[in-house]
């Protein structure tokens, strides 16, 4: 995982409370987002949204949950441009080009 993504996780280790502090950039300012490790799953007991390559990893799920919380719901995170996510994850300007 790239260091700039690791840096978004203020809570680096799993904890018994299941609470994680993450930071995302909003208008260029690092903004704290607190999420828990309750993961919505499908009927087949797989994560309903994002998942990691290895079953023991939850960082992608937590990152997506923080993104959804920042936007108030998972439904509001569907679609969009990769540059929009890049701005919030990396805090750098980004553009999308149509070709």
Foldseek 3Di string as FASTA:
>chain_A
DDPLQCQQWPDNDQDPQQKTWGWWADVLDTDIFIDGPDFDADPVRHGPDDDDPDNVDCSVVVVLVSVQVVVPHNVVVPDDDPQVRCCGSRVDHDDDDDD
